[in-house]
Amino acid sequence: MSKERTERGWRGTPDLWLDAAYGLLVEGGVEAVKVMPLADRLNLSRTSFYWHFPDREALLAGLVARWQAKNTGNLVARCEAAAATITEALLNLFDCWYDDALFDSRLEFAMRTWSLTDPSVAAAMSAADAERVAAITALFRRFGYSETEADTRARTLYLTQVGYIALRSEESLEVRMGRNPSYVLTFSGTLPSETEVAAFRARHIR
């Protein structure tokens, strides 16, 4: 192993520090994300942190960027996924609520809490909300809904999910699955087919 790799392994990597910062953020909020607790969690020296980040603010900026890429990026991608019907398209979007690899609800809750005390994060949250609503609106527009109706349905869908996250609502997987057809009907005016529901279940129940 080269000297460079040995030193880098000892100091960790940017992603390693970000992973640890994520853990502290979702467990205790942004005030918990500090260099010494991170170093203790990783069993690394405090000075190792500064090998990767000039200061705590740079680390926090990295967390914001990670949240934007994951939660907003994947939500937009699921809205743009190929679908033959509006109901299939909505179930594609619903993948985000069932797969933490696509949309991390714990991180979303932590970010929304952080945004209440940090104007720059609040601005990023407002921009993310607008981008997400626009993507969901575009999804409805693809299937012939008028501009106003698409926007209204998109906001109804999105704000419902934000409410789930804000309230930390918990349901069993079967209860959530059982409600999906009715949610799709509520949001789109159309029931998904049995084939579409079965395909969705197959993606999330193994």
Protein backbone atom coordinates (compact mmCIF):
# COMPACT_ATOMS: atom_id res chain seq x y z
CA MET A 1 0.00 0.00 0.00
CA SER A 2 1.40 3.42 -0.94
CA LYS A 3 2.13 6.09 1.63
CA GLU A 4 -0.62 8.27 0.06
CA ARG A 5 -3.24 5.53 0.39
CA THR A 6 -2.15 4.79 3.96
CA GLU A 7 -2.47 8.42 4.96
CA ARG A 8 -5.77 8.79 3.13
CA GLY A 9 -7.19 5.70 4.80
CA TRP A 10 -6.15 7.04 8.18
CA ARG A 11 -7.79 10.38 7.47
CA GLY A 12 -10.91 8.84 5.97
CA THR A 13 -12.53 10.09 2.78
CA PRO A 14 -14.94 12.95 2.07
CA ASP A 15 -17.79 10.45 1.68
CA LEU A 16 -16.90 8.77 4.96
CA TRP A 17 -17.11 12.09 6.80
CA LEU A 18 -20.34 12.95 4.98
CA ASP A 19 -21.84 9.59 5.90
CA ALA A 20 -21.04 10.23 9.56
CA ALA A 21 -22.41 13.77 9.30
CA TYR A 22 -25.61 12.37 7.79
CA GLY A 23 -25.95 10.06 10.79
CA LEU A 24 -25.60 12.91 13.26
CA LEU A 25 -27.97 15.12 11.26
CA VAL A 26 -30.84 12.65 11.16
CA GLU A 27 -30.30 11.64 14.79
CA GLY A 28 -29.87 15.03 16.41
CA GLY A 29 -30.33 17.82 13.90
CA VAL A 30 -27.80 20.20 12.43
CA GLU A 31 -26.51 21.34 15.83
CA ALA A 32 -25.26 17.82 16.40
CA VAL A 33 -23.08 17.94 13.28
CA LYS A 34 -19.75 19.10 14.72
CA VAL A 35 -16.20 18.12 13.99
CA MET A 36 -15.25 16.50 17.31
CA PRO A 37 -18.32 14.24 17.55
CA LEU A 38 -17.71 13.24 13.94
CA ALA A 39 -14.08 12.44 14.64
CA ASP A 40 -15.07 10.41 17.69
CA ARG A 41 -17.67 8.49 15.71
CA LEU A 42 -15.14 7.65 13.02
CA ASN A 43 -12.30 7.06 15.48
CA LEU A 44 -10.20 9.55 13.54
CA SER A 45 -8.32 12.63 14.64
CA ARG A 46 -9.98 16.03 14.52
CA THR A 47 -7.27 17.28 12.17
CA SER A 48 -8.17 14.51 9.70
CA PHE A 49 -11.40 16.34 9.00
CA TYR A 50 -9.54 19.36 7.62
CA TRP A 51 -7.74 17.20 5.10
CA HIS A 52 -11.08 16.95 3.26
CA PHE A 53 -13.06 20.06 4.27
CA PRO A 54 -11.80 23.57 5.01
CA ASP A 55 -14.41 24.06 7.74
CA ARG A 56 -17.72 22.84 9.14
CA GLU A 57 -19.66 25.04 6.72
CA ALA A 58 -18.14 23.17 3.78
CA LEU A 59 -19.27 19.88 5.31
CA LEU A 60 -22.79 21.23 5.79
CA ALA A 61 -22.80 22.41 2.17
CA GLY A 62 -21.88 18.86 1.20
CA LEU A 63 -24.89 17.55 3.12
CA VAL A 64 -27.18 19.98 1.32
CA ALA A 65 -25.76 18.93 -2.04
CA ARG A 66 -26.20 15.25 -1.18
CA TRP A 67 -29.83 15.85 -0.18
CA GLN A 68 -30.53 17.80 -3.37
CA ALA A 69 -29.00 15.14 -5.61
CA LYS A 70 -30.75 12.26 -3.89
CA ASN A 71 -34.22 13.42 -2.92
CA THR A 72 -34.91 16.00 -5.60
CA GLY A 73 -32.88 14.32 -8.33
CA ASN A 74 -34.55 10.95 -7.90
CA LEU A 75 -38.04 12.40 -7.54
CA VAL A 76 -37.65 14.27 -10.81
CA ALA A 77 -36.27 11.14 -12.48
CA ARG A 78 -39.23 9.04 -11.33
CA CYS A 79 -41.62 11.70 -12.68
CA GLU A 80 -39.90 11.45 -16.05
CA ALA A 81 -39.82 7.64 -16.15
CA ALA A 82 -41.60 5.99 -19.08
CA ALA A 83 -45.26 5.13 -18.43
CA ALA A 84 -48.20 4.23 -20.64
CA THR A 85 -50.87 5.69 -18.33
CA ILE A 86 -51.18 8.40 -15.71
CA THR A 87 -51.74 5.73 -13.09
CA GLU A 88 -48.56 3.89 -14.02
CA ALA A 89 -46.71 7.22 -13.96
CA LEU A 90 -47.96 8.00 -10.45
CA LEU A 91 -46.93 4.58 -9.21
CA ASN A 92 -43.48 5.24 -10.66
CA LEU A 93 -43.37 8.36 -8.50
CA PHE A 94 -44.69 6.43 -5.50
CA ASP A 95 -41.50 4.35 -5.68
CA CYS A 96 -39.86 7.28 -3.91
CA TRP A 97 -42.04 6.80 -0.83
CA TYR A 98 -41.11 3.12 -0.56
CA ASP A 99 -37.42 3.09 -1.39
CA ASP A 100 -35.00 5.00 0.84
CA ALA A 101 -32.35 4.63 -1.85
CA LEU A 102 -34.50 6.92 -4.01
CA PHE A 103 -35.91 9.33 -1.44
CA ASP A 104 -34.69 9.49 2.15
CA SER A 105 -37.58 10.62 4.37
CA ARG A 106 -35.41 10.85 7.50
CA LEU A 107 -33.04 13.17 5.70
CA GLU A 108 -35.96 15.17 4.31
CA PHE A 109 -37.36 15.68 7.83
CA ALA A 110 -33.94 16.76 9.13
CA MET A 111 -33.48 19.17 6.24
CA ARG A 112 -36.91 20.73 6.75
CA THR A 113 -36.18 21.17 10.45
CA TRP A 114 -32.80 22.72 9.64
CA SER A 115 -34.42 25.10 7.14
CA LEU A 116 -36.46 26.67 9.95
CA THR A 117 -33.30 28.21 11.44
CA ASP A 118 -31.01 28.70 8.43
CA PRO A 119 -32.07 31.12 5.66
CA SER A 120 -29.74 29.56 3.08
CA VAL A 121 -31.16 26.10 3.70
CA ALA A 122 -34.68 27.57 3.66
CA ALA A 123 -33.92 29.00 0.22
CA ALA A 124 -32.61 25.63 -0.97
CA MET A 125 -35.75 23.95 0.40
CA SER A 126 -38.03 26.41 -1.38
CA ALA A 127 -36.15 25.81 -4.62
CA ALA A 128 -36.41 22.04 -4.15
CA ASP A 129 -40.13 22.24 -3.44
CA ALA A 130 -40.67 24.31 -6.57
CA GLU A 131 -38.60 21.95 -8.73
CA ARG A 132 -40.44 18.90 -7.42
CA VAL A 133 -43.90 20.41 -7.88
CA ALA A 134 -42.92 21.46 -11.39
CA ALA A 135 -41.81 17.91 -12.19
CA ILE A 136 -45.06 16.41 -10.86
CA THR A 137 -47.05 19.05 -12.75
CA ALA A 138 -45.21 18.11 -15.94
CA LEU A 139 -46.09 14.47 -15.27
CA PHE A 140 -49.80 15.33 -15.24
CA ARG A 141 -49.44 17.57 -18.29
CA ARG A 142 -47.95 14.64 -20.24
CA PHE A 143 -51.28 12.87 -19.85
CA GLY A 144 -53.49 15.71 -21.02
CA TYR A 145 -54.41 17.55 -17.83
CA SER A 146 -54.82 21.30 -18.18
CA GLU A 147 -52.17 23.60 -16.71
CA THR A 148 -54.31 24.59 -13.73
CA GLU A 149 -55.56 21.08 -13.03
CA ALA A 150 -52.08 19.58 -13.36
CA ASP A 151 -50.65 22.15 -10.96
CA THR A 152 -53.44 21.61 -8.43
CA ARG A 153 -53.18 17.82 -8.57
CA ALA A 154 -49.38 18.03 -8.28
CA ARG A 155 -49.61 20.23 -5.20
CA THR A 156 -52.22 17.96 -3.62
CA LEU A 157 -50.00 14.93 -4.13
CA TYR A 158 -46.78 16.58 -3.03
CA LEU A 159 -48.16 18.35 0.02
CA THR A 160 -49.79 15.10 1.14
CA GLN A 161 -46.39 13.42 1.15
CA VAL A 162 -44.74 16.38 2.87
CA GLY A 163 -47.41 16.02 5.55
CA TYR A 164 -46.55 12.35 6.00
CA ILE A 165 -42.91 13.31 6.49
CA ALA A 166 -43.57 16.28 8.78
CA LEU A 167 -45.88 14.24 11.02
CA ARG A 168 -43.56 11.21 10.90
CA SER A 169 -46.61 9.15 10.07
CA GLU A 170 -45.97 5.43 10.30
CA GLU A 171 -48.02 2.66 8.74
CA SER A 172 -47.38 -0.99 8.09
CA LEU A 173 -46.29 -1.86 4.57
CA GLU A 174 -49.55 -3.70 3.91
CA VAL A 175 -51.67 -0.76 5.08
CA ARG A 176 -49.71 1.61 2.85
CA MET A 177 -49.96 -0.75 -0.10
CA GLY A 178 -53.68 -1.14 0.43
CA ARG A 179 -54.19 2.60 0.22
CA ASN A 180 -52.22 3.10 -2.99
CA PRO A 181 -55.07 2.51 -5.47
CA SER A 182 -57.26 5.01 -3.63
CA TYR A 183 -54.44 7.54 -3.46
CA VAL A 184 -53.86 7.19 -7.20
CA LEU A 185 -57.61 7.65 -7.78
CA THR A 186 -57.64 10.72 -5.51
CA PHE A 187 -54.68 12.33 -7.22
CA SER A 188 -55.50 11.45 -10.83
CA GLY A 189 -59.22 10.69 -11.00
CA THR A 190 -58.43 7.19 -12.32
CA LEU A 191 -57.93 3.85 -10.60
CA PRO A 192 -54.76 1.93 -11.46
CA SER A 193 -55.24 -1.41 -13.16
CA GLU A 194 -54.70 -4.66 -11.27
CA THR A 195 -51.64 -5.27 -13.43
CA GLU A 196 -50.15 -1.91 -12.48
CA VAL A 197 -50.82 -2.48 -8.79
CA ALA A 198 -49.31 -5.96 -8.97
CA ALA A 199 -46.19 -4.63 -10.70
CA PHE A 200 -45.78 -1.97 -8.02
CA ARG A 201 -46.18 -4.52 -5.24
CA ALA A 202 -43.63 -6.77 -6.89
CA ARG A 203 -41.09 -3.94 -6.83
CA HIS A 204 -41.46 -3.39 -3.09
CA ILE A 205 -42.55 -6.66 -1.50
CA ARG A 206 -40.09 -9.53 -1.66
